[in-house]
Amino acid sequence: VAMCGSVCRPKKHILGRKMHCGRLCQFLWLWPYLSYVQA
């Protein structure tokens, strides 16, 4: 998930724009747990 860090928090704050973790970021965060649970 470290790769998606820039997606979740921009380095420069842009007024009026909120950045949220996208679906990809959430999936990547869960991936290690999902692969372990299935095995």
Full PDB file with SEQRES, HELIX, SHEET, SSBOND, CRYST1, ORIGX, SCALE, CONECT and MASTER records, all heavy atoms in Angstrom:
SEQRES   1 A   39  VAL ALA MET CYS GLY SER VAL CYS ARG PRO LYS LYS HIS          
SEQRES   2 A   39  ILE LEU GLY ARG LYS MET HIS CYS GLY ARG LEU CYS GLN          
SEQRES   3 A   39  PHE LEU TRP LEU TRP PRO TYR LEU SER TYR VAL GLN ALA          
HELIX    1 AA1 ALA A    2  CYS A    4  5                                   3    
HELIX    2 AA2 GLY A    5  CYS A    8  1                                   4    
HELIX    3 AA3 ARG A   23  GLN A   38  1                                  16    
SSBOND   1 CYS A    4    CYS A   25                          1555   1555  2.50  
SSBOND   2 CYS A    8    CYS A   21                          1555   1555  2.44  
CRYST1    1.000    1.000    1.000  90.00  90.00  90.00 P 1           1          
ORIGX1      1.000000  0.000000  0.000000        0.00000                         
ORIGX2      0.000000  1.000000  0.000000        0.00000                         
ORIGX3      0.000000  0.000000  1.000000        0.00000                         
SCALE1      1.000000  0.000000  0.000000        0.00000                         
SCALE2      0.000000  1.000000  0.000000        0.00000                         
SCALE3      0.000000  0.000000  1.000000        0.00000                         
ATOM      1  N   VAL A   1       0.822  -1.202   0.000  1.00  0.00           N  
ATOM      2  CA  VAL A   1       0.000   0.000   0.000  1.00  0.00           C  
ATOM      3  C   VAL A   1       0.861   1.259   0.000  1.00  0.00           C  
ATOM      4  O   VAL A   1       0.396   2.342  -0.308  1.00  0.00           O  
ATOM      5  CB  VAL A   1      -0.944  -0.017   1.217  1.00  0.00           C  
ATOM      6  CG1 VAL A   1      -1.830   1.190   1.247  1.00  0.00           C  
ATOM      7  CG2 VAL A   1      -1.787  -1.273   1.181  1.00  0.00           C  
ATOM      8  N   ALA A   2       2.133   1.123   0.303  1.00  0.00           N  
ATOM      9  CA  ALA A   2       3.004   2.288   0.319  1.00  0.00           C  
ATOM     10  C   ALA A   2       3.019   2.984  -1.036  1.00  0.00           C  
ATOM     11  O   ALA A   2       3.172   4.195  -1.115  1.00  0.00           O  
ATOM     12  CB  ALA A   2       4.413   1.881   0.717  1.00  0.00           C  
ATOM     13  N   MET A   3       2.804   2.194  -2.091  1.00  0.00           N  
ATOM     14  CA  MET A   3       2.771   2.772  -3.427  1.00  0.00           C  
ATOM     15  C   MET A   3       1.597   3.725  -3.590  1.00  0.00           C  
ATOM     16  O   MET A   3       1.671   4.679  -4.335  1.00  0.00           O  
ATOM     17  CB  MET A   3       2.648   1.665  -4.478  1.00  0.00           C  
ATOM     18  CG  MET A   3       3.821   0.735  -4.491  1.00  0.00           C  
ATOM     19  SD  MET A   3       3.693  -0.497  -5.804  1.00  0.00           S  
ATOM     20  CE  MET A   3       2.059  -1.144  -5.595  1.00  0.00           C  
ATOM     21  N   CYS A   4       0.502   3.482  -2.917  1.00  0.00           N  
ATOM     22  CA  CYS A   4      -0.667   4.327  -3.117  1.00  0.00           C  
ATOM     23  C   CYS A   4      -0.693   5.484  -2.124  1.00  0.00           C  
ATOM     24  O   CYS A   4      -1.678   6.199  -2.054  1.00  0.00           O  
ATOM     25  CB  CYS A   4      -1.955   3.516  -3.047  1.00  0.00           C  
ATOM     26  SG  CYS A   4      -2.365   2.953  -1.397  1.00  0.00           S  
ATOM     27  N   GLY A   5       0.363   5.697  -1.379  1.00  0.00           N  
ATOM     28  CA  GLY A   5       0.416   6.795  -0.420  1.00  0.00           C  
ATOM     29  C   GLY A   5       0.192   8.142  -1.076  1.00  0.00           C  
ATOM     30  O   GLY A   5      -0.469   9.016  -0.518  1.00  0.00           O  
ATOM     31  N   SER A   6       0.736   8.321  -2.262  1.00  0.00           N  
ATOM     32  CA  SER A   6       0.555   9.602  -2.938  1.00  0.00           C  
ATOM     33  C   SER A   6      -0.887   9.785  -3.401  1.00  0.00           C  
ATOM     34  O   SER A   6      -1.354  10.888  -3.561  1.00  0.00           O  
ATOM     35  CB  SER A   6       1.509   9.722  -4.129  1.00  0.00           C  
ATOM     36  OG  SER A   6       1.233   8.688  -5.036  1.00  0.00           O  
ATOM     37  N   VAL A   7      -1.611   8.685  -3.595  1.00  0.00           N  
ATOM     38  CA  VAL A   7      -3.012   8.796  -3.993  1.00  0.00           C  
ATOM     39  C   VAL A   7      -3.853   9.239  -2.815  1.00  0.00           C  
ATOM     40  O   VAL A   7      -4.780  10.024  -2.950  1.00  0.00           O  
ATOM     41  CB  VAL A   7      -3.523   7.435  -4.532  1.00  0.00           C  
ATOM     42  CG1 VAL A   7      -4.996   7.487  -4.804  1.00  0.00           C  
ATOM     43  CG2 VAL A   7      -2.744   7.032  -5.768  1.00  0.00           C  
ATOM     44  N   CYS A   8      -3.509   8.757  -1.619  1.00  0.00           N  
ATOM     45  CA  CYS A   8      -4.318   9.054  -0.453  1.00  0.00           C  
ATOM     46  C   CYS A   8      -4.064  10.450   0.096  1.00  0.00           C  
ATOM     47  O   CYS A   8      -4.980  11.108   0.552  1.00  0.00           O  
ATOM     48  CB  CYS A   8      -4.037   8.038   0.654  1.00  0.00           C  
ATOM     49  SG  CYS A   8      -4.556   6.404   0.188  1.00  0.00           S  
ATOM     50  N   ARG A   9      -2.849  10.904   0.084  1.00  0.00           N  
ATOM     51  CA  ARG A   9      -2.514  12.227   0.624  1.00  0.00           C  
ATOM     52  C   ARG A   9      -1.602  12.942  -0.361  1.00  0.00           C  
ATOM     53  O   ARG A   9      -0.455  12.570  -0.522  1.00  0.00           O  
ATOM     54  CB  ARG A   9      -1.803  12.070   1.959  1.00  0.00           C  
ATOM     55  CG  ARG A   9      -2.703  11.581   3.039  1.00  0.00           C  
ATOM     56  CD  ARG A   9      -2.033  11.814   4.400  1.00  0.00           C  
ATOM     57  NE  ARG A   9      -2.897  11.301   5.414  1.00  0.00           N  
ATOM     58  CZ  ARG A   9      -2.611  10.286   6.222  1.00  0.00           C  
ATOM     59  NH1 ARG A   9      -1.453   9.707   6.127  1.00  0.00           N  
ATOM     60  NH2 ARG A   9      -3.456   9.887   7.119  1.00  0.00           N  
ATOM     61  N   PRO A  10      -2.116  13.934  -0.990  1.00  0.00           N  
ATOM     62  CA  PRO A  10      -1.254  14.671  -1.908  1.00  0.00           C  
ATOM     63  C   PRO A  10      -0.186  15.428  -1.140  1.00  0.00           C  
ATOM     64  O   PRO A  10      -0.392  15.829   0.006  1.00  0.00           O  
ATOM     65  CB  PRO A  10      -2.222  15.610  -2.624  1.00  0.00           C  
ATOM     66  CG  PRO A  10      -3.382  15.748  -1.704  1.00  0.00           C  
ATOM     67  CD  PRO A  10      -3.458  14.483  -0.910  1.00  0.00           C  
ATOM     68  N   LYS A  11       0.963  15.610  -1.767  1.00  0.00           N  
ATOM     69  CA  LYS A  11       2.048  16.345  -1.120  1.00  0.00           C  
ATOM     70  C   LYS A  11       1.679  17.807  -0.960  1.00  0.00           C  
ATOM     71  O   LYS A  11       2.042  18.453   0.003  1.00  0.00           O  
ATOM     72  CB  LYS A  11       3.329  16.197  -1.947  1.00  0.00           C  
ATOM     73  CG  LYS A  11       3.864  14.794  -1.924  1.00  0.00           C  
ATOM     74  CD  LYS A  11       5.140  14.681  -2.680  1.00  0.00           C  
ATOM     75  CE  LYS A  11       5.585  13.227  -2.661  1.00  0.00           C  
ATOM     76  NZ  LYS A  11       6.832  13.010  -3.274  1.00  0.00           N  
ATOM     77  N   LYS A  12       0.948  18.309  -1.873  1.00  0.00           N  
ATOM     78  CA  LYS A  12       0.564  19.705  -1.840  1.00  0.00           C  
ATOM     79  C   LYS A  12      -0.946  19.771  -1.660  1.00  0.00           C  
ATOM     80  O   LYS A  12      -1.700  19.149  -2.389  1.00  0.00           O  
ATOM     81  CB  LYS A  12       0.966  20.348  -3.162  1.00  0.00           C  
ATOM     82  CG  LYS A  12       0.738  21.815  -3.222  1.00  0.00           C  
ATOM     83  CD  LYS A  12       1.271  22.329  -4.531  1.00  0.00           C  
ATOM     84  CE  LYS A  12       0.891  23.766  -4.697  1.00  0.00           C  
ATOM     85  NZ  LYS A  12       1.300  24.265  -5.991  1.00  0.00           N  
ATOM     86  N   HIS A  13      -1.409  20.512  -0.658  1.00  0.00           N  
ATOM     87  CA  HIS A  13      -2.828  20.619  -0.394  1.00  0.00           C  
ATOM     88  C   HIS A  13      -3.472  21.537  -1.428  1.00  0.00           C  
ATOM     89  O   HIS A  13      -3.029  22.653  -1.658  1.00  0.00           O  
ATOM     90  CB  HIS A  13      -3.055  21.167   1.023  1.00  0.00           C  
ATOM     91  CG  HIS A  13      -4.507  21.296   1.355  1.00  0.00           C  
ATOM     92  ND1 HIS A  13      -5.303  20.201   1.523  1.00  0.00           N  
ATOM     93  CD2 HIS A  13      -5.288  22.383   1.538  1.00  0.00           C  
ATOM     94  CE1 HIS A  13      -6.529  20.616   1.810  1.00  0.00           C  
ATOM     95  NE2 HIS A  13      -6.533  21.939   1.823  1.00  0.00           N  
ATOM     96  N   ILE A  14      -4.520  21.054  -2.065  1.00  0.00           N  
ATOM     97  CA  ILE A  14      -5.246  21.835  -3.049  1.00  0.00           C  
ATOM     98  C   ILE A  14      -6.547  22.268  -2.397  1.00  0.00           C  
ATOM     99  O   ILE A  14      -7.311  21.437  -1.895  1.00  0.00           O  
ATOM    100  CB  ILE A  14      -5.520  21.009  -4.325  1.00  0.00           C  
ATOM    101  CG1 ILE A  14      -4.204  20.522  -4.914  1.00  0.00           C  
ATOM    102  CG2 ILE A  14      -6.337  21.808  -5.322  1.00  0.00           C  
ATOM    103  CD1 ILE A  14      -4.373  19.561  -6.060  1.00  0.00           C  
ATOM    104  N   LEU A  15      -6.810  23.567  -2.364  1.00  0.00           N  
ATOM    105  CA  LEU A  15      -7.999  24.099  -1.721  1.00  0.00           C  
ATOM    106  C   LEU A  15      -9.274  23.545  -2.337  1.00  0.00           C  
ATOM    107  O   LEU A  15      -9.409  23.450  -3.539  1.00  0.00           O  
ATOM    108  CB  LEU A  15      -8.048  25.624  -1.871  1.00  0.00           C  
ATOM    109  CG  LEU A  15      -7.551  26.419  -0.680  1.00  0.00           C  
ATOM    110  CD1 LEU A  15      -7.665  27.894  -0.951  1.00  0.00           C  
ATOM    111  CD2 LEU A  15      -8.181  26.032   0.602  1.00  0.00           C  
ATOM    112  N   GLY A  16     -10.206  23.168  -1.463  1.00  0.00           N  
ATOM    113  CA  GLY A  16     -11.495  22.701  -1.910  1.00  0.00           C  
ATOM    114  C   GLY A  16     -11.505  21.279  -2.451  1.00  0.00           C  
ATOM    115  O   GLY A  16     -12.522  20.809  -2.929  1.00  0.00           O  
ATOM    116  N   ARG A  17     -10.424  20.603  -2.378  1.00  0.00           N  
ATOM    117  CA  ARG A  17     -10.348  19.248  -2.919  1.00  0.00           C  
ATOM    118  C   ARG A  17      -9.898  18.279  -1.834  1.00  0.00           C  
ATOM    119  O   ARG A  17      -8.838  18.442  -1.253  1.00  0.00           O  
ATOM    120  CB  ARG A  17      -9.331  19.246  -4.064  1.00  0.00           C  
ATOM    121  CG  ARG A  17      -9.599  18.197  -5.040  1.00  0.00           C  
ATOM    122  CD  ARG A  17      -8.769  18.454  -6.248  1.00  0.00           C  
ATOM    123  NE  ARG A  17      -8.863  17.249  -7.030  1.00  0.00           N  
ATOM    124  CZ  ARG A  17      -8.091  16.954  -8.020  1.00  0.00           C  
ATOM    125  NH1 ARG A  17      -7.148  17.766  -8.389  1.00  0.00           N  
ATOM    126  NH2 ARG A  17      -8.257  15.849  -8.666  1.00  0.00           N  
ATOM    127  N   LYS A  18     -10.721  17.275  -1.557  1.00  0.00           N  
ATOM    128  CA  LYS A  18     -10.347  16.257  -0.574  1.00  0.00           C  
ATOM    129  C   LYS A  18      -9.904  15.009  -1.317  1.00  0.00           C  
ATOM    130  O   LYS A  18     -10.516  14.614  -2.299  1.00  0.00           O  
ATOM    131  CB  LYS A  18     -11.544  15.881   0.300  1.00  0.00           C  
ATOM    132  CG  LYS A  18     -11.934  16.932   1.284  1.00  0.00           C  
ATOM    133  CD  LYS A  18     -13.031  16.379   2.143  1.00  0.00           C  
ATOM    134  CE  LYS A  18     -13.452  17.399   3.158  1.00  0.00           C  
ATOM    135  NZ  LYS A  18     -14.533  16.913   4.005  1.00  0.00           N  
ATOM    136  N   MET A  19      -8.860  14.411  -0.843  1.00  0.00           N  
ATOM    137  CA  MET A  19      -8.378  13.161  -1.442  1.00  0.00           C  
ATOM    138  C   MET A  19      -8.734  12.013  -0.496  1.00  0.00           C  
ATOM    139  O   MET A  19      -8.432  12.077   0.685  1.00  0.00           O  
ATOM    140  CB  MET A  19      -6.861  13.203  -1.649  1.00  0.00           C  
ATOM    141  CG  MET A  19      -6.409  14.187  -2.680  1.00  0.00           C  
ATOM    142  SD  MET A  19      -6.964  13.758  -4.324  1.00  0.00           S  
ATOM    143  CE  MET A  19      -5.837  12.455  -4.708  1.00  0.00           C  
ATOM    144  N   HIS A  20      -9.368  11.004  -1.028  1.00  0.00           N  
ATOM    145  CA  HIS A  20      -9.722   9.813  -0.254  1.00  0.00           C  
ATOM    146  C   HIS A  20      -9.016   8.616  -0.862  1.00  0.00           C  
ATOM    147  O   HIS A  20      -8.707   8.604  -2.038  1.00  0.00           O  
ATOM    148  CB  HIS A  20     -11.237   9.565  -0.299  1.00  0.00           C  
ATOM    149  CG  HIS A  20     -12.034  10.670   0.315  1.00  0.00           C  
ATOM    150  ND1 HIS A  20     -12.158  10.836   1.657  1.00  0.00           N  
ATOM    151  CD2 HIS A  20     -12.745  11.679  -0.262  1.00  0.00           C  
ATOM    152  CE1 HIS A  20     -12.913  11.880   1.906  1.00  0.00           C  
ATOM    153  NE2 HIS A  20     -13.287  12.420   0.748  1.00  0.00           N  
ATOM    154  N   CYS A  21      -8.790   7.627  -0.023  1.00  0.00           N  
ATOM    155  CA  CYS A  21      -8.221   6.385  -0.554  1.00  0.00           C  
ATOM    156  C   CYS A  21      -9.200   5.815  -1.559  1.00  0.00           C  
ATOM    157  O   CYS A  21     -10.367   5.636  -1.260  1.00  0.00           O  
ATOM    158  CB  CYS A  21      -7.999   5.369   0.557  1.00  0.00           C  
ATOM    159  SG  CYS A  21      -6.477   5.557   1.439  1.00  0.00           S  
ATOM    160  N   GLY A  22      -8.725   5.541  -2.702  1.00  0.00           N  
ATOM    161  CA  GLY A  22      -9.569   4.937  -3.727  1.00  0.00           C  
ATOM    162  C   GLY A  22      -9.762   3.461  -3.465  1.00  0.00           C  
ATOM    163  O   GLY A  22      -9.186   2.888  -2.524  1.00  0.00           O  
ATOM    164  N   ARG A  23     -10.581   2.839  -4.254  1.00  0.00           N  
ATOM    165  CA  ARG A  23     -10.844   1.405  -4.119  1.00  0.00           C  
ATOM    166  C   ARG A  23      -9.564   0.588  -4.266  1.00  0.00           C  
ATOM    167  O   ARG A  23      -9.356  -0.382  -3.568  1.00  0.00           O  
ATOM    168  CB  ARG A  23     -11.857   0.951  -5.163  1.00  0.00           C  
ATOM    169  CG  ARG A  23     -13.201   1.565  -4.985  1.00  0.00           C  
ATOM    170  CD  ARG A  23     -13.944   0.826  -3.915  1.00  0.00           C  
ATOM    171  NE  ARG A  23     -15.263   1.421  -3.767  1.00  0.00           N  
ATOM    172  CZ  ARG A  23     -15.927   1.415  -2.652  1.00  0.00           C  
ATOM    173  NH1 ARG A  23     -15.433   0.835  -1.589  1.00  0.00           N  
ATOM    174  NH2 ARG A  23     -17.099   1.976  -2.591  1.00  0.00           N  
ATOM    175  N   LEU A  24      -8.705   1.018  -5.170  1.00  0.00           N  
ATOM    176  CA  LEU A  24      -7.451   0.303  -5.372  1.00  0.00           C  
ATOM    177  C   LEU A  24      -6.609   0.316  -4.109  1.00  0.00           C  
ATOM    178  O   LEU A  24      -6.056  -0.697  -3.694  1.00  0.00           O  
ATOM    179  CB  LEU A  24      -6.663   0.899  -6.537  1.00  0.00           C  
ATOM    180  CG  LEU A  24      -5.279   0.284  -6.785  1.00  0.00           C  
ATOM    181  CD1 LEU A  24      -5.423  -1.189  -7.138  1.00  0.00           C  
ATOM    182  CD2 LEU A  24      -4.549   1.029  -7.870  1.00  0.00           C  
ATOM    183  N   CYS A  25      -6.524   1.485  -3.485  1.00  0.00           N  
ATOM    184  CA  CYS A  25      -5.734   1.615  -2.257  1.00  0.00           C  
ATOM    185  C   CYS A  25      -6.308   0.723  -1.157  1.00  0.00           C  
ATOM    186  O   CYS A  25      -5.572   0.031  -0.459  1.00  0.00           O  
ATOM    187  CB  CYS A  25      -5.714   3.078  -1.813  1.00  0.00           C  
ATOM    188  SG  CYS A  25      -4.626   3.380  -0.424  1.00  0.00           S  
ATOM    189  N   GLN A  26      -7.630   0.710  -1.022  1.00  0.00           N  
ATOM    190  CA  GLN A  26      -8.267  -0.123   0.000  1.00  0.00           C  
ATOM    191  C   GLN A  26      -8.032  -1.606  -0.294  1.00  0.00           C  
ATOM    192  O   GLN A  26      -7.771  -2.394   0.607  1.00  0.00           O  
ATOM    193  CB  GLN A  26      -9.758   0.176   0.067  1.00  0.00           C  
ATOM    194  CG  GLN A  26     -10.046   1.551   0.617  1.00  0.00           C  
ATOM    195  CD  GLN A  26     -11.517   1.932   0.493  1.00  0.00           C  
ATOM    196  OE1 GLN A  26     -12.300   1.225  -0.142  1.00  0.00           O  
ATOM    197  NE2 GLN A  26     -11.874   3.049   1.099  1.00  0.00           N  
ATOM    198  N   PHE A  27      -8.123  -1.982  -1.557  1.00  0.00           N  
ATOM    199  CA  PHE A  27      -7.892  -3.370  -1.944  1.00  0.00           C  
ATOM    200  C   PHE A  27      -6.448  -3.775  -1.647  1.00  0.00           C  
ATOM    201  O   PHE A  27      -6.188  -4.861  -1.130  1.00  0.00           O  
ATOM    202  CB  PHE A  27      -8.218  -3.569  -3.426  1.00  0.00           C  
ATOM    203  CG  PHE A  27      -7.947  -4.953  -3.911  1.00  0.00           C  
ATOM    204  CD1 PHE A  27      -8.773  -6.011  -3.539  1.00  0.00           C  
ATOM    205  CD2 PHE A  27      -6.850  -5.222  -4.713  1.00  0.00           C  
ATOM    206  CE1 PHE A  27      -8.513  -7.294  -3.973  1.00  0.00           C  
ATOM    207  CE2 PHE A  27      -6.598  -6.507  -5.152  1.00  0.00           C  
ATOM    208  CZ  PHE A  27      -7.433  -7.543  -4.774  1.00  0.00           C  
ATOM    209  N   LEU A  28      -5.506  -2.905  -2.002  1.00  0.00           N  
ATOM    210  CA  LEU A  28      -4.101  -3.221  -1.741  1.00  0.00           C  
ATOM    211  C   LEU A  28      -3.822  -3.359  -0.256  1.00  0.00           C  
ATOM    212  O   LEU A  28      -3.002  -4.166   0.164  1.00  0.00           O  
ATOM    213  CB  LEU A  28      -3.192  -2.159  -2.365  1.00  0.00           C  
ATOM    214  CG  LEU A  28      -3.096  -2.190  -3.881  1.00  0.00           C  
ATOM    215  CD1 LEU A  28      -2.265  -1.005  -4.380  1.00  0.00           C  
ATOM    216  CD2 LEU A  28      -2.498  -3.484  -4.372  1.00  0.00           C  
ATOM    217  N   TRP A  29      -4.517  -2.586   0.536  1.00  0.00           N  
ATOM    218  CA  TRP A  29      -4.338  -2.666   1.977  1.00  0.00           C  
ATOM    219  C   TRP A  29      -4.836  -4.019   2.496  1.00  0.00           C  
ATOM    220  O   TRP A  29      -4.238  -4.611   3.390  1.00  0.00           O  
ATOM    221  CB  TRP A  29      -5.100  -1.521   2.652  1.00  0.00           C  
ATOM    222  CG  TRP A  29      -4.922  -1.499   4.125  1.00  0.00           C  
ATOM    223  CD1 TRP A  29      -3.844  -1.048   4.816  1.00  0.00           C  
ATOM    224  CD2 TRP A  29      -5.858  -1.963   5.099  1.00  0.00           C  
ATOM    225  NE1 TRP A  29      -4.041  -1.204   6.160  1.00  0.00           N  
ATOM    226  CE2 TRP A  29      -5.283  -1.763   6.365  1.00  0.00           C  
ATOM    227  CE3 TRP A  29      -7.116  -2.517   5.038  1.00  0.00           C  
ATOM    228  CZ2 TRP A  29      -5.921  -2.100   7.542  1.00  0.00           C  
ATOM    229  CZ3 TRP A  29      -7.760  -2.858   6.209  1.00  0.00           C  
ATOM    230  CH2 TRP A  29      -7.158  -2.643   7.442  1.00  0.00           C  
ATOM    231  N   LEU A  30      -5.915  -4.539   1.911  1.00  0.00           N  
ATOM    232  CA  LEU A  30      -6.473  -5.810   2.354  1.00  0.00           C  
ATOM    233  C   LEU A  30      -5.816  -7.031   1.714  1.00  0.00           C  
ATOM    234  O   LEU A  30      -5.963  -8.144   2.207  1.00  0.00           O  
ATOM    235  CB  LEU A  30      -7.977  -5.861   2.042  1.00  0.00           C  
ATOM    236  CG  LEU A  30      -8.862  -4.979   2.898  1.00  0.00           C  
ATOM    237  CD1 LEU A  30     -10.292  -5.025   2.374  1.00  0.00           C  
ATOM    238  CD2 LEU A  30      -8.823  -5.421   4.344  1.00  0.00           C  
ATOM    239  N   TRP A  31      -5.118  -6.837   0.610  1.00  0.00           N  
ATOM    240  CA  TRP A  31      -4.571  -7.958  -0.151  1.00  0.00           C  
ATOM    241  C   TRP A  31      -3.746  -8.950   0.679  1.00  0.00           C  
ATOM    242  O   TRP A  31      -3.964 -10.162   0.591  1.00  0.00           O  
ATOM    243  CB  TRP A  31      -3.765  -7.437  -1.342  1.00  0.00           C  
ATOM    244  CG  TRP A  31      -3.206  -8.559  -2.153  1.00  0.00           C  
ATOM    245  CD1 TRP A  31      -1.919  -8.969  -2.198  1.00  0.00           C  
ATOM    246  CD2 TRP A  31      -3.927  -9.441  -3.005  1.00  0.00           C  
ATOM    247  NE1 TRP A  31      -1.785 -10.039  -3.039  1.00  0.00           N  
ATOM    248  CE2 TRP A  31      -3.018 -10.352  -3.544  1.00  0.00           C  
ATOM    249  CE3 TRP A  31      -5.270  -9.558  -3.360  1.00  0.00           C  
ATOM    250  CZ2 TRP A  31      -3.383 -11.351  -4.421  1.00  0.00           C  
ATOM    251  CZ3 TRP A  31      -5.635 -10.559  -4.233  1.00  0.00           C  
ATOM    252  CH2 TRP A  31      -4.694 -11.431  -4.750  1.00  0.00           C  
ATOM    253  N   PRO A  32      -2.793  -8.496   1.492  1.00  0.00           N  
ATOM    254  CA  PRO A  32      -2.007  -9.482   2.258  1.00  0.00           C  
ATOM    255  C   PRO A  32      -2.876 -10.341   3.175  1.00  0.00           C  
ATOM    256  O   PRO A  32      -2.634 -11.532   3.334  1.00  0.00           O  
ATOM    257  CB  PRO A  32      -1.038  -8.626   3.082  1.00  0.00           C  
ATOM    258  CG  PRO A  32      -0.999  -7.315   2.399  1.00  0.00           C  
ATOM    259  CD  PRO A  32      -2.314  -7.141   1.711  1.00  0.00           C  
ATOM    260  N   TYR A  33      -3.919  -9.757   3.727  1.00  0.00           N  
ATOM    261  CA  TYR A  33      -4.795 -10.507   4.619  1.00  0.00           C  
ATOM    262  C   TYR A  33      -5.674 -11.479   3.837  1.00  0.00           C  
ATOM    263  O   TYR A  33      -5.889 -12.617   4.256  1.00  0.00           O  
ATOM    264  CB  TYR A  33      -5.665  -9.554   5.446  1.00  0.00           C  
ATOM    265  CG  TYR A  33      -4.836  -8.582   6.248  1.00  0.00           C  
ATOM    266  CD1 TYR A  33      -4.708  -7.265   5.857  1.00  0.00           C  
ATOM    267  CD2 TYR A  33      -4.146  -9.013   7.373  1.00  0.00           C  
ATOM    268  CE1 TYR A  33      -3.924  -6.377   6.577  1.00  0.00           C  
ATOM    269  CE2 TYR A  33      -3.349  -8.134   8.098  1.00  0.00           C  
ATOM    270  CZ  TYR A  33      -3.244  -6.823   7.696  1.00  0.00           C  
ATOM    271  OH  TYR A  33      -2.466  -5.963   8.406  1.00  0.00           O  
ATOM    272  N   LEU A  34      -6.182 -11.047   2.697  1.00  0.00           N  
ATOM    273  CA  LEU A  34      -7.029 -11.914   1.885  1.00  0.00           C  
ATOM    274  C   LEU A  34      -6.256 -13.111   1.350  1.00  0.00           C  
ATOM    275  O   LEU A  34      -6.754 -14.233   1.334  1.00  0.00           O  
ATOM    276  CB  LEU A  34      -7.646 -11.125   0.723  1.00  0.00           C  
ATOM    277  CG  LEU A  34      -8.675 -10.077   1.100  1.00  0.00           C  
ATOM    278  CD1 LEU A  34      -9.096  -9.297  -0.130  1.00  0.00           C  
ATOM    279  CD2 LEU A  34      -9.873 -10.708   1.779  1.00  0.00           C  
ATOM    280  N   SER A  35      -5.035 -12.876   0.912  1.00  0.00           N  
ATOM    281  CA  SER A  35      -4.252 -13.997   0.378  1.00  0.00           C  
ATOM    282  C   SER A  35      -3.896 -14.982   1.482  1.00  0.00           C  
ATOM    283  O   SER A  35      -3.852 -16.184   1.253  1.00  0.00           O  
ATOM    284  CB  SER A  35      -2.997 -13.488  -0.323  1.00  0.00           C  
ATOM    285  OG  SER A  35      -2.154 -12.827   0.596  1.00  0.00           O  
ATOM    286  N   TYR A  36      -3.665 -14.509   2.679  1.00  0.00           N  
ATOM    287  CA  TYR A  36      -3.364 -15.394   3.794  1.00  0.00           C  
ATOM    288  C   TYR A  36      -4.597 -16.205   4.188  1.00  0.00           C  
ATOM    289  O   TYR A  36      -4.521 -17.398   4.396  1.00  0.00           O  
ATOM    290  CB  TYR A  36      -2.865 -14.595   4.996  1.00  0.00           C  
ATOM    291  CG  TYR A  36      -2.622 -15.457   6.206  1.00  0.00           C  
ATOM    292  CD1 TYR A  36      -1.516 -16.294   6.278  1.00  0.00           C  
ATOM    293  CD2 TYR A  36      -3.509 -15.463   7.272  1.00  0.00           C  
ATOM    294  CE1 TYR A  36      -1.297 -17.104   7.366  1.00  0.00           C  
ATOM    295  CE2 TYR A  36      -3.296 -16.271   8.367  1.00  0.00           C  
ATOM    296  CZ  TYR A  36      -2.189 -17.086   8.420  1.00  0.00           C  
ATOM    297  OH  TYR A  36      -1.977 -17.887   9.492  1.00  0.00           O  
ATOM    298  N   VAL A  37      -5.749 -15.545   4.250  1.00  0.00           N  
ATOM    299  CA  VAL A  37      -6.976 -16.214   4.655  1.00  0.00           C  
ATOM    300  C   VAL A  37      -7.339 -17.318   3.666  1.00  0.00           C  
ATOM    301  O   VAL A  37      -7.764 -18.387   4.049  1.00  0.00           O  
ATOM    302  CB  VAL A  37      -8.127 -15.180   4.778  1.00  0.00           C  
ATOM    303  CG1 VAL A  37      -9.467 -15.868   4.926  1.00  0.00           C  
ATOM    304  CG2 VAL A  37      -7.874 -14.272   5.960  1.00  0.00           C  
ATOM    305  N   GLN A  38      -7.141 -17.101   2.379  1.00  0.00           N  
ATOM    306  CA  GLN A  38      -7.487 -18.102   1.382  1.00  0.00           C  
ATOM    307  C   GLN A  38      -6.542 -19.301   1.449  1.00  0.00           C  
ATOM    308  O   GLN A  38      -6.956 -20.424   1.262  1.00  0.00           O  
ATOM    309  CB  GLN A  38      -7.456 -17.498  -0.014  1.00  0.00           C  
ATOM    310  CG  GLN A  38      -7.919 -18.467  -1.068  1.00  0.00           C  
ATOM    311  CD  GLN A  38      -7.904 -17.852  -2.450  1.00  0.00           C  
ATOM    312  OE1 GLN A  38      -7.521 -16.711  -2.622  1.00  0.00           O  
ATOM    313  NE2 GLN A  38      -8.304 -18.632  -3.424  1.00  0.00           N  
ATOM    314  N   ALA A  39      -5.282 -19.091   1.738  1.00  0.00           N  
ATOM    315  CA  ALA A  39      -4.300 -20.171   1.733  1.00  0.00           C  
ATOM    316  C   ALA A  39      -4.528 -21.150   2.884  1.00  0.00           C  
ATOM    317  O   ALA A  39      -4.296 -22.331   2.734  1.00  0.00           O  
ATOM    318  CB  ALA A  39      -2.892 -19.598   1.804  1.00  0.00           C  
TER     319      ALA A  39                                                      
CONECT   26  188                                                                
CONECT   49  159                                                                
CONECT  159   49                                                                
CONECT  188   26                                                                
MASTER        0    0    0    3    0    0    0    6  318    1    4    3          
END                                                                             
